[in-house]
Amino acid sequence: MAKLTESMTNVLEEDSMEQDIESPVTIHQPKLPKQAREDLPKNLNKECAKRKIQRYVRKDGKCNVHHGNVRETYRYLTDIFTTLVDLKWRFNLLIFVMVYTVTWLFFGMIWWLIAYVRGDMDHIGDSTWTPCVSNLNGFVSAFLFSIETETTIGYGYRVITDKCPEGIILLLVQSVLGSIVNAFMVGCMFVKISQPKKRAETLVFSTNAVISMRDGKLCLMFRVGDLRNSHIVEASIRAKLIKSKQTKEGEFIPLNQTDINVGYYTGDDRLFLVSPLIISHEINQQSPFWEISKAQLPKEELEIVVILEGMVEATGNISYTLCKVNALILERKTSGFASL
């Protein structure tokens, strides 16, 4: 009986040792969203991974929206300055050249008509006749005189005389209109060249965004950096989730925009953009990603647009930068960031 008891004790000790070695340690995880609780299936549908989704904002930051069936096109002409600035460069340069050319031709035609009506063409070379414009003998010379008047070149070969009141009035009108045309077109070209959105070319975002643990919280993170030495003053950043939505009443909203909090209440959205910064969004119960699981995320048709706004230090113009987050990578380590 004593031997049986001793053998049973040895067996229990061995079992307890095996349990101590092989039994896993149970760790109580805090309450986290579905991304942290579910794993991706091993056989992920390749068609869903490779499918093409039409972008709302392209990778270069330009909005992929085309306005069609616009009937009130006259509204574009009410703000002609902004319309010209928004045109492409080839159309802008064409309009720039055409405006000056048409103006010179128009006033050149009037100068030629004045000379023709007064009979200056019939008295070319007559020293006793005082023409309206000296040395104006045809339309080509009238066109050259129009260019000299509007551009204030003043070669001195063709000059207006004091015996032509209608010519003096036309000279005043052309000088005033020429100044207005110069101010408008030169101002348009200056704004076109110095558009602050070109400053966005040197603002670089990380290639991919990651979802990872940070300080015990599940966060969506990406990086942004500035390549120039001149800083963006008063820089602030926002993020929008663009996803279709159906309301409780059954209304379908194809491009619903939901705000993604990147530190609005804590002031972290105000950036001192001297070195690359990590922008973080905590996935909590107020986050639009709370109900999206890790397995469901690659199948979702959603788009994250990041908007960086700030004042250009060199010019004082306000610059807007749009960035389309290319992909979401679920990682457990923050080393998943793509380098700038």
C-alpha atoms as a PDB file:
ATOM      1  CA  MET A   1       0.000   0.000   0.000  1.00  0.00           C
ATOM      2  CA  ALA A   2       2.857   2.362   0.826  1.00  0.00           C
ATOM      3  CA  LYS A   3       4.518   1.549  -2.510  1.00  0.00           C
ATOM      4  CA  LEU A   4       1.270   2.203  -4.376  1.00  0.00           C
ATOM      5  CA  THR A   5       0.871   5.562  -2.651  1.00  0.00           C
ATOM      6  CA  GLU A   6       4.477   6.502  -3.451  1.00  0.00           C
ATOM      7  CA  SER A   7       4.096   5.585  -7.125  1.00  0.00           C
ATOM      8  CA  MET A   8       0.900   7.617  -7.435  1.00  0.00           C
ATOM      9  CA  THR A   9       2.666  10.603  -5.879  1.00  0.00           C
ATOM     10  CA  ASN A  10       5.494  10.312  -8.392  1.00  0.00           C
ATOM     11  CA  VAL A  11       3.010  10.181 -11.263  1.00  0.00           C
ATOM     12  CA  LEU A  12       1.207  13.307 -10.019  1.00  0.00           C
ATOM     13  CA  GLU A  13       4.502  15.164  -9.679  1.00  0.00           C
ATOM     14  CA  GLU A  14       5.489  14.222 -13.231  1.00  0.00           C
ATOM     15  CA  ASP A  15       2.088  15.355 -14.536  1.00  0.00           C
ATOM     16  CA  SER A  16       2.390  18.657 -12.730  1.00  0.00           C
ATOM     17  CA  MET A  17       5.886  19.202 -14.126  1.00  0.00           C
ATOM     18  CA  GLU A  18       4.656  18.454 -17.646  1.00  0.00           C
ATOM     19  CA  GLN A  19       1.797  20.907 -17.167  1.00  0.00           C
ATOM     20  CA  ASP A  20       4.209  23.577 -15.949  1.00  0.00           C
ATOM     21  CA  ILE A  21       6.392  23.098 -19.003  1.00  0.00           C
ATOM     22  CA  GLU A  22       3.764  22.663 -21.743  1.00  0.00           C
ATOM     23  CA  SER A  23       0.811  24.730 -20.521  1.00  0.00           C
ATOM     24  CA  PRO A  24       0.676  28.172 -22.217  1.00  0.00           C
ATOM     25  CA  VAL A  25       0.702  31.327 -20.149  1.00  0.00           C
ATOM     26  CA  THR A  26      -2.634  33.100 -20.250  1.00  0.00           C
ATOM     27  CA  ILE A  27      -2.355  36.866 -20.741  1.00  0.00           C
ATOM     28  CA  HIS A  28      -5.415  39.030 -20.370  1.00  0.00           C
ATOM     29  CA  GLN A  29      -5.506  41.416 -23.290  1.00  0.00           C
ATOM     30  CA  PRO A  30      -7.252  44.771 -22.945  1.00  0.00           C
ATOM     31  CA  LYS A  31     -10.418  45.470 -24.899  1.00  0.00           C
ATOM     32  CA  LEU A  32      -9.341  46.191 -28.454  1.00  0.00           C
ATOM     33  CA  PRO A  33     -11.083  46.576 -31.819  1.00  0.00           C
ATOM     34  CA  LYS A  34     -11.652  43.662 -34.129  1.00  0.00           C
ATOM     35  CA  GLN A  35      -8.358  44.270 -35.942  1.00  0.00           C
ATOM     36  CA  ALA A  36      -6.441  43.108 -32.859  1.00  0.00           C
ATOM     37  CA  ARG A  37      -8.684  40.145 -32.051  1.00  0.00           C
ATOM     38  CA  GLU A  38      -9.047  38.518 -35.466  1.00  0.00           C
ATOM     39  CA  ASP A  39      -6.412  37.094 -37.773  1.00  0.00           C
ATOM     40  CA  LEU A  40      -6.353  37.227 -41.523  1.00  0.00           C
ATOM     41  CA  PRO A  41      -7.457  34.015 -43.205  1.00  0.00           C
ATOM     42  CA  LYS A  42      -4.671  32.020 -44.781  1.00  0.00           C
ATOM     43  CA  ASN A  43      -6.396  31.699 -48.137  1.00  0.00           C
ATOM     44  CA  LEU A  44      -7.203  35.306 -48.895  1.00  0.00           C
ATOM     45  CA  ASN A  45      -9.156  35.908 -52.045  1.00  0.00           C
ATOM     46  CA  LYS A  46      -6.607  37.077 -54.603  1.00  0.00           C
ATOM     47  CA  GLU A  47      -9.221  38.737 -56.763  1.00  0.00           C
ATOM     48  CA  CYS A  48     -10.230  41.013 -53.891  1.00  0.00           C
ATOM     49  CA  ALA A  49      -6.584  41.880 -53.262  1.00  0.00           C
ATOM     50  CA  LYS A  50      -5.870  42.717 -56.903  1.00  0.00           C
ATOM     51  CA  ARG A  51      -9.110  44.468 -57.798  1.00  0.00           C
ATOM     52  CA  LYS A  52      -8.899  48.006 -58.998  1.00  0.00           C
ATOM     53  CA  ILE A  53     -10.799  50.649 -57.076  1.00  0.00           C
ATOM     54  CA  GLN A  54     -11.594  53.922 -58.765  1.00  0.00           C
ATOM     55  CA  ARG A  55      -9.786  56.649 -56.898  1.00  0.00           C
ATOM     56  CA  TYR A  56     -11.441  59.745 -55.535  1.00  0.00           C
ATOM     57  CA  VAL A  57      -8.012  61.382 -55.135  1.00  0.00           C
ATOM     58  CA  ARG A  58      -5.090  60.219 -57.245  1.00  0.00           C
ATOM     59  CA  LYS A  59      -1.646  59.490 -55.847  1.00  0.00           C
ATOM     60  CA  ASP A  60      -0.344  62.880 -57.007  1.00  0.00           C
ATOM     61  CA  GLY A  61      -2.981  64.650 -54.902  1.00  0.00           C
ATOM     62  CA  LYS A  62      -5.277  65.690 -57.753  1.00  0.00           C
ATOM     63  CA  CYS A  63      -8.986  65.073 -57.360  1.00  0.00           C
ATOM     64  CA  ASN A  64     -10.354  62.577 -59.857  1.00  0.00           C
ATOM     65  CA  VAL A  65     -13.647  64.423 -60.319  1.00  0.00           C
ATOM     66  CA  HIS A  66     -14.991  65.589 -63.671  1.00  0.00           C
ATOM     67  CA  HIS A  67     -17.827  68.089 -63.834  1.00  0.00           C
ATOM     68  CA  GLY A  68     -20.390  67.260 -66.454  1.00  0.00           C
ATOM     69  CA  ASN A  69     -23.781  68.526 -67.585  1.00  0.00           C
ATOM     70  CA  VAL A  70     -23.058  72.031 -66.286  1.00  0.00           C
ATOM     71  CA  ARG A  71     -25.644  74.313 -67.831  1.00  0.00           C
ATOM     72  CA  GLU A  72     -24.771  77.583 -66.108  1.00  0.00           C
ATOM     73  CA  THR A  73     -21.396  77.934 -67.808  1.00  0.00           C
ATOM     74  CA  TYR A  74     -21.675  81.725 -67.689  1.00  0.00           C
ATOM     75  CA  ARG A  75     -20.670  81.564 -64.037  1.00  0.00           C
ATOM     76  CA  TYR A  76     -17.114  80.761 -65.114  1.00  0.00           C
ATOM     77  CA  LEU A  77     -16.964  84.033 -67.041  1.00  0.00           C
ATOM     78  CA  THR A  78     -18.102  86.087 -64.046  1.00  0.00           C
ATOM     79  CA  ASP A  79     -14.756  85.251 -62.420  1.00  0.00           C
ATOM     80  CA  ILE A  80     -12.584  85.309 -65.515  1.00  0.00           C
ATOM     81  CA  PHE A  81      -9.351  85.806 -63.550  1.00  0.00           C
ATOM     82  CA  THR A  82      -9.743  82.560 -61.600  1.00  0.00           C
ATOM     83  CA  THR A  83     -10.870  80.788 -64.768  1.00  0.00           C
ATOM     84  CA  LEU A  84      -7.683  81.798 -66.565  1.00  0.00           C
ATOM     85  CA  VAL A  85      -5.510  80.792 -63.624  1.00  0.00           C
ATOM     86  CA  ASP A  86      -7.145  77.359 -63.448  1.00  0.00           C
ATOM     87  CA  LEU A  87      -6.580  76.686 -67.147  1.00  0.00           C
ATOM     88  CA  LYS A  88      -3.775  74.444 -68.324  1.00  0.00           C
ATOM     89  CA  TRP A  89      -0.518  76.062 -69.306  1.00  0.00           C
ATOM     90  CA  ARG A  90      -0.952  75.571 -73.059  1.00  0.00           C
ATOM     91  CA  PHE A  91      -4.340  77.298 -73.037  1.00  0.00           C
ATOM     92  CA  ASN A  92      -3.080  79.998 -70.697  1.00  0.00           C
ATOM     93  CA  LEU A  93      -0.152  80.848 -72.966  1.00  0.00           C
ATOM     94  CA  LEU A  94      -2.398  80.769 -76.029  1.00  0.00           C
ATOM     95  CA  ILE A  95      -4.825  83.245 -74.448  1.00  0.00           C
ATOM     96  CA  PHE A  96      -1.910  85.419 -73.306  1.00  0.00           C
ATOM     97  CA  VAL A  97      -0.560  85.701 -76.854  1.00  0.00           C
ATOM     98  CA  MET A  98      -3.983  86.078 -78.442  1.00  0.00           C
ATOM     99  CA  VAL A  99      -5.094  88.906 -76.128  1.00  0.00           C
ATOM    100  CA  TYR A 100      -2.071  91.064 -76.971  1.00  0.00           C
ATOM    101  CA  THR A 101      -2.177  90.215 -80.670  1.00  0.00           C
ATOM    102  CA  VAL A 102      -5.887  90.972 -81.014  1.00  0.00           C
ATOM    103  CA  THR A 103      -5.493  94.243 -79.097  1.00  0.00           C
ATOM    104  CA  TRP A 104      -2.640  95.414 -81.324  1.00  0.00           C
ATOM    105  CA  LEU A 105      -4.508  94.427 -84.478  1.00  0.00           C
ATOM    106  CA  PHE A 106      -7.718  96.114 -83.322  1.00  0.00           C
ATOM    107  CA  PHE A 107      -6.109  99.461 -82.563  1.00  0.00           C
ATOM    108  CA  GLY A 108      -3.864  99.172 -85.625  1.00  0.00           C
ATOM    109  CA  MET A 109      -6.998  98.847 -87.759  1.00  0.00           C
ATOM    110  CA  ILE A 110      -8.480 101.975 -86.136  1.00  0.00           C
ATOM    111  CA  TRP A 111      -5.272 103.944 -86.754  1.00  0.00           C
ATOM    112  CA  TRP A 112      -5.325 102.876 -90.377  1.00  0.00           C
ATOM    113  CA  LEU A 113      -9.036 103.824 -90.725  1.00  0.00           C
ATOM    114  CA  ILE A 114      -8.366 107.286 -89.299  1.00  0.00           C
ATOM    115  CA  ALA A 115      -5.538 107.817 -91.758  1.00  0.00           C
ATOM    116  CA  TYR A 116      -7.672 106.500 -94.635  1.00  0.00           C
ATOM    117  CA  VAL A 117     -10.722 108.662 -93.786  1.00  0.00           C
ATOM    118  CA  ARG A 118      -8.641 111.803 -93.382  1.00  0.00           C
ATOM    119  CA  GLY A 119      -6.970 111.193 -96.751  1.00  0.00           C
ATOM    120  CA  ASP A 120      -3.451 110.702 -95.380  1.00  0.00           C
ATOM    121  CA  MET A 121      -2.932 107.784 -97.767  1.00  0.00           C
ATOM    122  CA  ASP A 122      -3.485 110.074-100.753  1.00  0.00           C
ATOM    123  CA  HIS A 123      -0.853 112.565 -99.553  1.00  0.00           C
ATOM    124  CA  ILE A 124       2.054 110.272 -98.812  1.00  0.00           C
ATOM    125  CA  GLY A 125       5.289 112.190 -99.485  1.00  0.00           C
ATOM    126  CA  ASP A 126       3.471 115.555 -99.620  1.00  0.00           C
ATOM    127  CA  SER A 127       5.442 117.964 -97.417  1.00  0.00           C
ATOM    128  CA  THR A 128       2.582 120.467 -97.320  1.00  0.00           C
ATOM    129  CA  TRP A 129       0.129 117.953 -95.822  1.00  0.00           C
ATOM    130  CA  THR A 130       0.022 117.327 -92.072  1.00  0.00           C
ATOM    131  CA  PRO A 131      -1.085 113.716 -91.465  1.00  0.00           C
ATOM    132  CA  CYS A 132      -2.572 112.358 -88.258  1.00  0.00           C
ATOM    133  CA  VAL A 133       0.431 110.082 -87.755  1.00  0.00           C
ATOM    134  CA  SER A 134       3.677 110.907 -89.481  1.00  0.00           C
ATOM    135  CA  ASN A 135       5.253 108.167 -91.653  1.00  0.00           C
ATOM    136  CA  LEU A 136       2.110 106.004 -91.556  1.00  0.00           C
ATOM    137  CA  ASN A 137       1.717 104.701 -95.119  1.00  0.00           C
ATOM    138  CA  GLY A 138      -0.292 101.476 -94.754  1.00  0.00           C
ATOM    139  CA  PHE A 139      -1.806  98.890 -92.456  1.00  0.00           C
ATOM    140  CA  VAL A 140       1.567  97.382 -91.525  1.00  0.00           C
ATOM    141  CA  SER A 141       2.917 100.724 -90.351  1.00  0.00           C
ATOM    142  CA  ALA A 142      -0.352 101.365 -88.473  1.00  0.00           C
ATOM    143  CA  PHE A 143       0.021  97.976 -86.769  1.00  0.00           C
ATOM    144  CA  LEU A 144       3.603  98.800 -85.768  1.00  0.00           C
ATOM    145  CA  PHE A 145       2.484 102.193 -84.432  1.00  0.00           C
ATOM    146  CA  SER A 146      -0.184 100.426 -82.357  1.00  0.00           C
ATOM    147  CA  ILE A 147       2.463  98.137 -80.834  1.00  0.00           C
ATOM    148  CA  GLU A 148       4.758 101.083 -80.076  1.00  0.00           C
ATOM    149  CA  THR A 149       1.915 102.996 -78.427  1.00  0.00           C
ATOM    150  CA  GLU A 150       0.622 100.181 -76.231  1.00  0.00           C
ATOM    151  CA  THR A 151       4.028  98.905 -75.166  1.00  0.00           C
ATOM    152  CA  THR A 152       5.435 102.484 -74.790  1.00  0.00           C
ATOM    153  CA  ILE A 153       8.444 101.609 -76.933  1.00  0.00           C
ATOM    154  CA  GLY A 154       8.525 104.956 -78.764  1.00  0.00           C
ATOM    155  CA  TYR A 155      11.061 104.525 -81.582  1.00  0.00           C
ATOM    156  CA  GLY A 156      10.366 108.076 -82.747  1.00  0.00           C
ATOM    157  CA  TYR A 157       9.881 107.339 -86.461  1.00  0.00           C
ATOM    158  CA  ARG A 158       6.063 107.273 -86.410  1.00  0.00           C
ATOM    159  CA  VAL A 159       4.614 110.022 -84.215  1.00  0.00           C
ATOM    160  CA  ILE A 160       1.179 111.565 -83.768  1.00  0.00           C
ATOM    161  CA  THR A 161       0.673 115.219 -84.703  1.00  0.00           C
ATOM    162  CA  ASP A 162      -1.385 117.907 -82.971  1.00  0.00           C
ATOM    163  CA  LYS A 163      -3.663 118.389 -85.997  1.00  0.00           C
ATOM    164  CA  CYS A 164      -5.624 115.175 -85.308  1.00  0.00           C
ATOM    165  CA  PRO A 165      -7.981 115.398 -82.274  1.00  0.00           C
ATOM    166  CA  GLU A 166      -9.520 111.968 -82.998  1.00  0.00           C
ATOM    167  CA  GLY A 167      -6.011 110.482 -82.973  1.00  0.00           C
ATOM    168  CA  ILE A 168      -5.240 112.095 -79.604  1.00  0.00           C
ATOM    169  CA  ILE A 169      -8.427 110.619 -78.112  1.00  0.00           C
ATOM    170  CA  LEU A 170      -7.570 107.196 -79.556  1.00  0.00           C
ATOM    171  CA  LEU A 171      -4.061 107.482 -78.126  1.00  0.00           C
ATOM    172  CA  LEU A 172      -5.473 108.111 -74.639  1.00  0.00           C
ATOM    173  CA  VAL A 173      -7.929 105.215 -74.934  1.00  0.00           C
ATOM    174  CA  GLN A 174      -5.269 102.789 -76.126  1.00  0.00           C
ATOM    175  CA  SER A 175      -2.848 103.821 -73.393  1.00  0.00           C
ATOM    176  CA  VAL A 176      -5.442 103.262 -70.658  1.00  0.00           C
ATOM    177  CA  LEU A 177      -6.743  99.970 -72.067  1.00  0.00           C
ATOM    178  CA  GLY A 178      -3.211  98.790 -72.698  1.00  0.00           C
ATOM    179  CA  SER A 179      -2.320  99.367 -69.031  1.00  0.00           C
ATOM    180  CA  ILE A 180      -5.403  97.414 -67.960  1.00  0.00           C
ATOM    181  CA  VAL A 181      -4.549  94.521 -70.284  1.00  0.00           C
ATOM    182  CA  ASN A 182      -0.949  94.481 -69.040  1.00  0.00           C
ATOM    183  CA  ALA A 183      -2.031  94.461 -65.387  1.00  0.00           C
ATOM    184  CA  PHE A 184      -4.580  91.707 -65.951  1.00  0.00           C
ATOM    185  CA  MET A 185      -2.469  89.384 -68.075  1.00  0.00           C
ATOM    186  CA  VAL A 186       0.817  89.883 -66.208  1.00  0.00           C
ATOM    187  CA  GLY A 187      -1.000  89.398 -62.907  1.00  0.00           C
ATOM    188  CA  CYS A 188      -2.593  86.232 -64.221  1.00  0.00           C
ATOM    189  CA  MET A 189       0.745  84.843 -65.346  1.00  0.00           C
ATOM    190  CA  PHE A 190       2.397  85.768 -62.041  1.00  0.00           C
ATOM    191  CA  VAL A 191      -0.286  83.959 -60.032  1.00  0.00           C
ATOM    192  CA  LYS A 192      -0.064  81.004 -62.405  1.00  0.00           C
ATOM    193  CA  ILE A 193       3.701  80.746 -61.930  1.00  0.00           C
ATOM    194  CA  SER A 194       3.684  81.282 -58.162  1.00  0.00           C
ATOM    195  CA  GLN A 195       0.803  78.968 -57.312  1.00  0.00           C
ATOM    196  CA  PRO A 196       1.351  77.659 -53.779  1.00  0.00           C
ATOM    197  CA  LYS A 197       0.193  74.176 -54.718  1.00  0.00           C
ATOM    198  CA  LYS A 198       3.548  73.698 -56.476  1.00  0.00           C
ATOM    199  CA  ARG A 199       5.070  73.871 -53.003  1.00  0.00           C
ATOM    200  CA  ALA A 200       3.333  70.584 -52.300  1.00  0.00           C
ATOM    201  CA  GLU A 201       5.730  68.781 -54.651  1.00  0.00           C
ATOM    202  CA  THR A 202       8.383  68.803 -51.892  1.00  0.00           C
ATOM    203  CA  LEU A 203       6.032  67.535 -49.173  1.00  0.00           C
ATOM    204  CA  VAL A 204       6.450  63.765 -49.026  1.00  0.00           C
ATOM    205  CA  PHE A 205       4.178  61.217 -47.397  1.00  0.00           C
ATOM    206  CA  SER A 206       5.087  57.659 -46.493  1.00  0.00           C
ATOM    207  CA  THR A 207       4.263  55.101 -49.151  1.00  0.00           C
ATOM    208  CA  ASN A 208       2.074  52.990 -46.876  1.00  0.00           C
ATOM    209  CA  ALA A 209       0.172  53.503 -43.658  1.00  0.00           C
ATOM    210  CA  VAL A 210       0.303  50.903 -40.908  1.00  0.00           C
ATOM    211  CA  ILE A 211      -1.949  49.791 -38.082  1.00  0.00           C
ATOM    212  CA  SER A 212       0.109  48.900 -35.051  1.00  0.00           C
ATOM    213  CA  MET A 213       0.197  49.027 -31.248  1.00  0.00           C
ATOM    214  CA  ARG A 214       1.586  52.236 -29.783  1.00  0.00           C
ATOM    215  CA  ASP A 215       1.642  52.899 -26.050  1.00  0.00           C
ATOM    216  CA  GLY A 216      -0.848  50.090 -25.551  1.00  0.00           C
ATOM    217  CA  LYS A 217      -3.301  51.540 -28.074  1.00  0.00           C
ATOM    218  CA  LEU A 218      -4.083  50.384 -31.571  1.00  0.00           C
ATOM    219  CA  CYS A 219      -3.242  53.231 -33.968  1.00  0.00           C
ATOM    220  CA  LEU A 220      -3.272  54.017 -37.663  1.00  0.00           C
ATOM    221  CA  MET A 221       0.023  55.751 -38.474  1.00  0.00           C
ATOM    222  CA  PHE A 222       1.814  57.340 -41.415  1.00  0.00           C
ATOM    223  CA  ARG A 223       4.661  59.804 -41.835  1.00  0.00           C
ATOM    224  CA  VAL A 224       5.021  63.180 -43.512  1.00  0.00           C
ATOM    225  CA  GLY A 225       8.146  65.217 -44.175  1.00  0.00           C
ATOM    226  CA  ASP A 226       9.295  68.403 -45.924  1.00  0.00           C
ATOM    227  CA  LEU A 227      12.255  68.347 -48.310  1.00  0.00           C
ATOM    228  CA  ARG A 228      12.867  72.110 -48.367  1.00  0.00           C
ATOM    229  CA  ASN A 229      14.783  74.211 -45.882  1.00  0.00           C
ATOM    230  CA  SER A 230      12.052  76.870 -45.884  1.00  0.00           C
ATOM    231  CA  HIS A 231       9.357  75.720 -43.514  1.00  0.00           C
ATOM    232  CA  ILE A 232       5.592  75.527 -43.761  1.00  0.00           C
ATOM    233  CA  VAL A 233       4.298  78.005 -41.187  1.00  0.00           C
ATOM    234  CA  GLU A 234       1.244  77.119 -39.075  1.00  0.00           C
ATOM    235  CA  ALA A 235       0.966  73.699 -40.672  1.00  0.00           C
ATOM    236  CA  SER A 236      -2.071  71.626 -39.748  1.00  0.00           C
ATOM    237  CA  ILE A 237      -3.168  68.209 -40.929  1.00  0.00           C
ATOM    238  CA  ARG A 238      -6.549  66.552 -41.368  1.00  0.00           C
ATOM    239  CA  ALA A 239      -7.682  63.163 -42.594  1.00  0.00           C
ATOM    240  CA  LYS A 240     -10.922  62.023 -44.209  1.00  0.00           C
ATOM    241  CA  LEU A 241     -12.317  58.551 -44.721  1.00  0.00           C
ATOM    242  CA  ILE A 242     -14.244  58.301 -47.991  1.00  0.00           C
ATOM    243  CA  LYS A 243     -16.574  55.354 -48.063  1.00  0.00           C
ATOM    244  CA  SER A 244     -20.071  54.576 -49.245  1.00  0.00           C
ATOM    245  CA  LYS A 245     -22.758  54.647 -46.577  1.00  0.00           C
ATOM    246  CA  GLN A 246     -26.384  53.729 -46.236  1.00  0.00           C
ATOM    247  CA  THR A 247     -28.447  55.664 -43.711  1.00  0.00           C
ATOM    248  CA  LYS A 248     -31.062  54.213 -41.395  1.00  0.00           C
ATOM    249  CA  GLU A 249     -33.724  55.618 -43.710  1.00  0.00           C
ATOM    250  CA  GLY A 250     -32.309  53.636 -46.639  1.00  0.00           C
ATOM    251  CA  GLU A 251     -30.564  56.524 -48.406  1.00  0.00           C
ATOM    252  CA  PHE A 252     -27.339  55.488 -50.153  1.00  0.00           C
ATOM    253  CA  ILE A 253     -24.456  58.000 -49.999  1.00  0.00           C
ATOM    254  CA  PRO A 254     -21.733  56.914 -52.474  1.00  0.00           C
ATOM    255  CA  LEU A 255     -18.943  59.264 -51.331  1.00  0.00           C
ATOM    256  CA  ASN A 256     -19.573  59.861 -47.665  1.00  0.00           C
ATOM    257  CA  GLN A 257     -16.768  61.749 -45.901  1.00  0.00           C
ATOM    258  CA  THR A 258     -15.999  60.885 -42.276  1.00  0.00           C
ATOM    259  CA  ASP A 259     -13.472  62.808 -40.223  1.00  0.00           C
ATOM    260  CA  ILE A 260     -10.493  60.848 -38.871  1.00  0.00           C
ATOM    261  CA  ASN A 261      -9.191  62.343 -35.666  1.00  0.00           C
ATOM    262  CA  VAL A 262      -5.427  62.858 -35.893  1.00  0.00           C
ATOM    263  CA  GLY A 263      -5.088  64.940 -32.736  1.00  0.00           C
ATOM    264  CA  TYR A 264      -7.640  67.718 -33.107  1.00  0.00           C
ATOM    265  CA  TYR A 265      -8.585  67.775 -29.420  1.00  0.00           C
ATOM    266  CA  THR A 266      -5.013  67.401 -28.155  1.00  0.00           C
ATOM    267  CA  GLY A 267      -3.402  69.845 -30.610  1.00  0.00           C
ATOM    268  CA  ASP A 268      -1.287  67.150 -32.276  1.00  0.00           C
ATOM    269  CA  ASP A 269      -2.738  68.143 -35.647  1.00  0.00           C
ATOM    270  CA  ARG A 270      -0.661  71.359 -35.451  1.00  0.00           C
ATOM    271  CA  LEU A 271       2.703  70.430 -36.916  1.00  0.00           C
ATOM    272  CA  PHE A 272       6.181  71.886 -36.528  1.00  0.00           C
ATOM    273  CA  LEU A 273       7.330  70.346 -39.781  1.00  0.00           C
ATOM    274  CA  VAL A 274      11.116  70.561 -39.511  1.00  0.00           C
ATOM    275  CA  SER A 275      11.820  66.839 -39.539  1.00  0.00           C
ATOM    276  CA  PRO A 276       9.614  63.913 -40.634  1.00  0.00           C
ATOM    277  CA  LEU A 277       6.741  63.381 -38.221  1.00  0.00           C
ATOM    278  CA  ILE A 278       4.557  60.381 -37.467  1.00  0.00           C
ATOM    279  CA  ILE A 279       0.848  61.160 -37.639  1.00  0.00           C
ATOM    280  CA  SER A 280      -1.227  58.833 -35.472  1.00  0.00           C
ATOM    281  CA  HIS A 281      -4.938  58.081 -35.277  1.00  0.00           C
ATOM    282  CA  GLU A 282      -6.136  56.061 -32.295  1.00  0.00           C
ATOM    283  CA  ILE A 283      -8.642  53.377 -33.250  1.00  0.00           C
ATOM    284  CA  ASN A 284     -11.135  53.653 -30.410  1.00  0.00           C
ATOM    285  CA  GLN A 285     -14.905  53.449 -30.210  1.00  0.00           C
ATOM    286  CA  GLN A 286     -15.220  56.867 -31.898  1.00  0.00           C
ATOM    287  CA  SER A 287     -13.008  55.790 -34.808  1.00  0.00           C
ATOM    288  CA  PRO A 288     -14.640  54.799 -38.124  1.00  0.00           C
ATOM    289  CA  PHE A 289     -12.334  51.733 -38.156  1.00  0.00           C
ATOM    290  CA  TRP A 290     -13.672  50.326 -34.877  1.00  0.00           C
ATOM    291  CA  GLU A 291     -16.163  47.944 -36.472  1.00  0.00           C
ATOM    292  CA  ILE A 292     -13.881  46.881 -39.353  1.00  0.00           C
ATOM    293  CA  SER A 293     -12.060  43.641 -38.624  1.00  0.00           C
ATOM    294  CA  LYS A 294      -8.577  42.705 -39.728  1.00  0.00           C
ATOM    295  CA  ALA A 295      -9.950  40.130 -42.166  1.00  0.00           C
ATOM    296  CA  GLN A 296     -12.538  42.575 -43.515  1.00  0.00           C
ATOM    297  CA  LEU A 297     -10.169  45.518 -44.019  1.00  0.00           C
ATOM    298  CA  PRO A 298      -8.539  44.325 -47.316  1.00  0.00           C
ATOM    299  CA  LYS A 299     -12.014  43.788 -48.785  1.00  0.00           C
ATOM    300  CA  GLU A 300     -13.385  47.200 -47.879  1.00  0.00           C
ATOM    301  CA  GLU A 301     -13.826  49.815 -50.596  1.00  0.00           C
ATOM    302  CA  LEU A 302     -12.595  52.806 -48.677  1.00  0.00           C
ATOM    303  CA  GLU A 303     -10.133  55.605 -49.236  1.00  0.00           C
ATOM    304  CA  ILE A 304      -8.203  57.755 -46.787  1.00  0.00           C
ATOM    305  CA  VAL A 305      -7.355  61.291 -47.907  1.00  0.00           C
ATOM    306  CA  VAL A 306      -4.866  63.351 -45.895  1.00  0.00           C
ATOM    307  CA  ILE A 307      -4.991  67.162 -46.168  1.00  0.00           C
ATOM    308  CA  LEU A 308      -1.981  69.205 -45.093  1.00  0.00           C
ATOM    309  CA  GLU A 309      -2.547  72.953 -44.908  1.00  0.00           C
ATOM    310  CA  GLY A 310       0.021  75.628 -44.146  1.00  0.00           C
ATOM    311  CA  MET A 311       1.513  78.967 -45.119  1.00  0.00           C
ATOM    312  CA  VAL A 312       4.546  79.075 -47.390  1.00  0.00           C
ATOM    313  CA  GLU A 313       7.309  80.915 -45.554  1.00  0.00           C
ATOM    314  CA  ALA A 314       8.885  82.417 -48.680  1.00  0.00           C
ATOM    315  CA  THR A 315       5.733  83.880 -50.276  1.00  0.00           C
ATOM    316  CA  GLY A 316       3.120  83.955 -47.523  1.00  0.00           C
ATOM    317  CA  ASN A 317       0.655  82.039 -49.702  1.00  0.00           C
ATOM    318  CA  ILE A 318      -1.491  79.306 -48.209  1.00  0.00           C
ATOM    319  CA  SER A 319      -0.680  75.871 -49.579  1.00  0.00           C
ATOM    320  CA  TYR A 320      -2.938  72.825 -49.598  1.00  0.00           C
ATOM    321  CA  THR A 321      -1.566  69.335 -50.045  1.00  0.00           C
ATOM    322  CA  LEU A 322      -3.739  66.325 -50.736  1.00  0.00           C
ATOM    323  CA  CYS A 323      -2.425  62.816 -50.256  1.00  0.00           C
ATOM    324  CA  LYS A 324      -4.123  59.522 -50.978  1.00  0.00           C
ATOM    325  CA  VAL A 325      -3.061  56.837 -48.506  1.00  0.00           C
ATOM    326  CA  ASN A 326      -2.025  54.019 -50.789  1.00  0.00           C
ATOM    327  CA  ALA A 327      -2.436  51.015 -48.538  1.00  0.00           C
ATOM    328  CA  LEU A 328      -3.031  49.901 -44.988  1.00  0.00           C
ATOM    329  CA  ILE A 329      -0.551  47.369 -43.653  1.00  0.00           C
ATOM    330  CA  LEU A 330      -1.455  45.593 -40.440  1.00  0.00           C
ATOM    331  CA  GLU A 331       1.734  45.200 -38.433  1.00  0.00           C
ATOM    332  CA  ARG A 332       2.651  44.482 -34.848  1.00  0.00           C
ATOM    333  CA  LYS A 333       5.777  46.591 -35.012  1.00  0.00           C
ATOM    334  CA  THR A 334       6.266  50.208 -35.913  1.00  0.00           C
ATOM    335  CA  SER A 335       9.162  49.180 -38.156  1.00  0.00           C
ATOM    336  CA  GLY A 336       6.563  48.661 -40.865  1.00  0.00           C
ATOM    337  CA  PHE A 337       6.832  52.311 -41.913  1.00  0.00           C
ATOM    338  CA  ALA A 338       8.074  53.030 -45.407  1.00  0.00           C
ATOM    339  CA  SER A 339      11.006  55.429 -45.481  1.00  0.00           C
ATOM    340  CA  LEU A 340      10.523  58.913 -46.875  1.00  0.00           C
END
